[in-house]
C-alpha atoms as a PDB file:
ATOM      1  CA  UNK A   1       7.895  24.167 -12.357  1.00  0.00           C
ATOM      2  CA  UNK A   2       6.692  25.803  -9.154  1.00  0.00           C
ATOM      3  CA  UNK A   3       3.139  25.741 -10.484  1.00  0.00           C
ATOM      4  CA  UNK A   4       3.242  21.946 -10.775  1.00  0.00           C
ATOM      5  CA  UNK A   5       4.801  21.584  -7.321  1.00  0.00           C
ATOM      6  CA  UNK A   6       2.010  23.648  -5.758  1.00  0.00           C
ATOM      7  CA  UNK A   7      -0.603  21.579  -7.574  1.00  0.00           C
ATOM      8  CA  UNK A   8       0.990  18.309  -6.407  1.00  0.00           C
ATOM      9  CA  UNK A   9       1.101  19.619  -2.830  1.00  0.00           C
ATOM     10  CA  UNK A  10      -2.575  20.560  -3.008  1.00  0.00           C
ATOM     11  CA  UNK A  11      -3.511  17.096  -4.262  1.00  0.00           C
ATOM     12  CA  UNK A  12      -1.446  15.332  -1.588  1.00  0.00           C
ATOM     13  CA  UNK A  13      -3.010  17.461   1.162  1.00  0.00           C
ATOM     14  CA  UNK A  14      -6.476  16.669  -0.188  1.00  0.00           C
ATOM     15  CA  UNK A  15      -5.713  12.941  -0.335  1.00  0.00           C
ATOM     16  CA  UNK A  16      -4.282  12.901   3.200  1.00  0.00           C
ATOM     17  CA  UNK A  17      -7.234  14.942   4.470  1.00  0.00           C
ATOM     18  CA  UNK A  18      -9.716  12.546   2.884  1.00  0.00           C
ATOM     19  CA  UNK A  19      -7.851   9.582   4.396  1.00  0.00           C
ATOM     20  CA  UNK A  20      -7.872  11.127   7.868  1.00  0.00           C
ATOM     21  CA  UNK A  21     -11.571  11.937   7.546  1.00  0.00           C
ATOM     22  CA  UNK A  22     -12.397   8.392   6.446  1.00  0.00           C
ATOM     23  CA  UNK A  23     -10.355   6.938   9.305  1.00  0.00           C
ATOM     24  CA  UNK A  24     -12.098   9.240  11.778  1.00  0.00           C
ATOM     25  CA  UNK A  25     -15.547   8.248  10.530  1.00  0.00           C
ATOM     26  CA  UNK A  26     -14.654   4.561  10.645  1.00  0.00           C
ATOM     27  CA  UNK A  27     -13.357   4.923  14.203  1.00  0.00           C
ATOM     28  CA  UNK A  28     -16.517   6.796  15.198  1.00  0.00           C
ATOM     29  CA  UNK A  29     -18.734   4.001  13.824  1.00  0.00           C
ATOM     30  CA  UNK A  30     -16.767   1.343  15.703  1.00  0.00           C
ATOM     31  CA  UNK A  31     -16.648   3.401  18.894  1.00  0.00           C
ATOM     32  CA  UNK A  32     -20.389   4.154  18.856  1.00  0.00           C
ATOM     33  CA  UNK A  33     -21.594   0.694  17.901  1.00  0.00           C
ATOM     34  CA  UNK A  34     -18.861  -1.234  19.735  1.00  0.00           C
ATOM     35  CA  UNK A  35     -18.561  -4.976  19.375  1.00  0.00           C
ATOM     36  CA  UNK A  36     -21.823  -5.418  17.493  1.00  0.00           C
ATOM     37  CA  UNK A  37     -20.510  -3.436  14.534  1.00  0.00           C
ATOM     38  CA  UNK A  38     -17.259  -5.388  14.530  1.00  0.00           C
ATOM     39  CA  UNK A  39     -19.097  -8.712  14.449  1.00  0.00           C
ATOM     40  CA  UNK A  40     -21.348  -7.515  11.624  1.00  0.00           C
ATOM     41  CA  UNK A  41     -18.347  -6.418   9.561  1.00  0.00           C
ATOM     42  CA  UNK A  42     -16.599  -9.736  10.237  1.00  0.00           C
ATOM     43  CA  UNK A  43     -19.690 -11.641   9.122  1.00  0.00           C
ATOM     44  CA  UNK A  44     -19.944  -9.587   5.959  1.00  0.00           C
ATOM     45  CA  UNK A  45     -16.371 -10.480   5.027  1.00  0.00           C
ATOM     46  CA  UNK A  46     -16.814 -14.075   6.161  1.00  0.00           C
ATOM     47  CA  UNK A  47     -14.203 -13.861   8.924  1.00  0.00           C
ATOM     48  CA  UNK A  48     -16.413 -14.718  11.910  1.00  0.00           C
ATOM     49  CA  UNK A  49     -16.194 -18.465  11.247  1.00  0.00           C
ATOM     50  CA  UNK A  50     -12.396 -18.498  11.441  1.00  0.00           C
ATOM     51  CA  UNK A  51     -12.419 -16.371  14.614  1.00  0.00           C
ATOM     52  CA  UNK A  52     -14.991 -18.576  16.317  1.00  0.00           C
END
């Protein structure tokens, strides 16, 4: 039973770590490129028309 618990904990840590890393990279892209990146992403998803 303990073996499975340790394995589940390892997976959850890996998933959380990957999520944090992805969030950090996304934030870095937005921070570096600023508004231009945001507008490009909005255009890609077709949201810029509704915002304008």
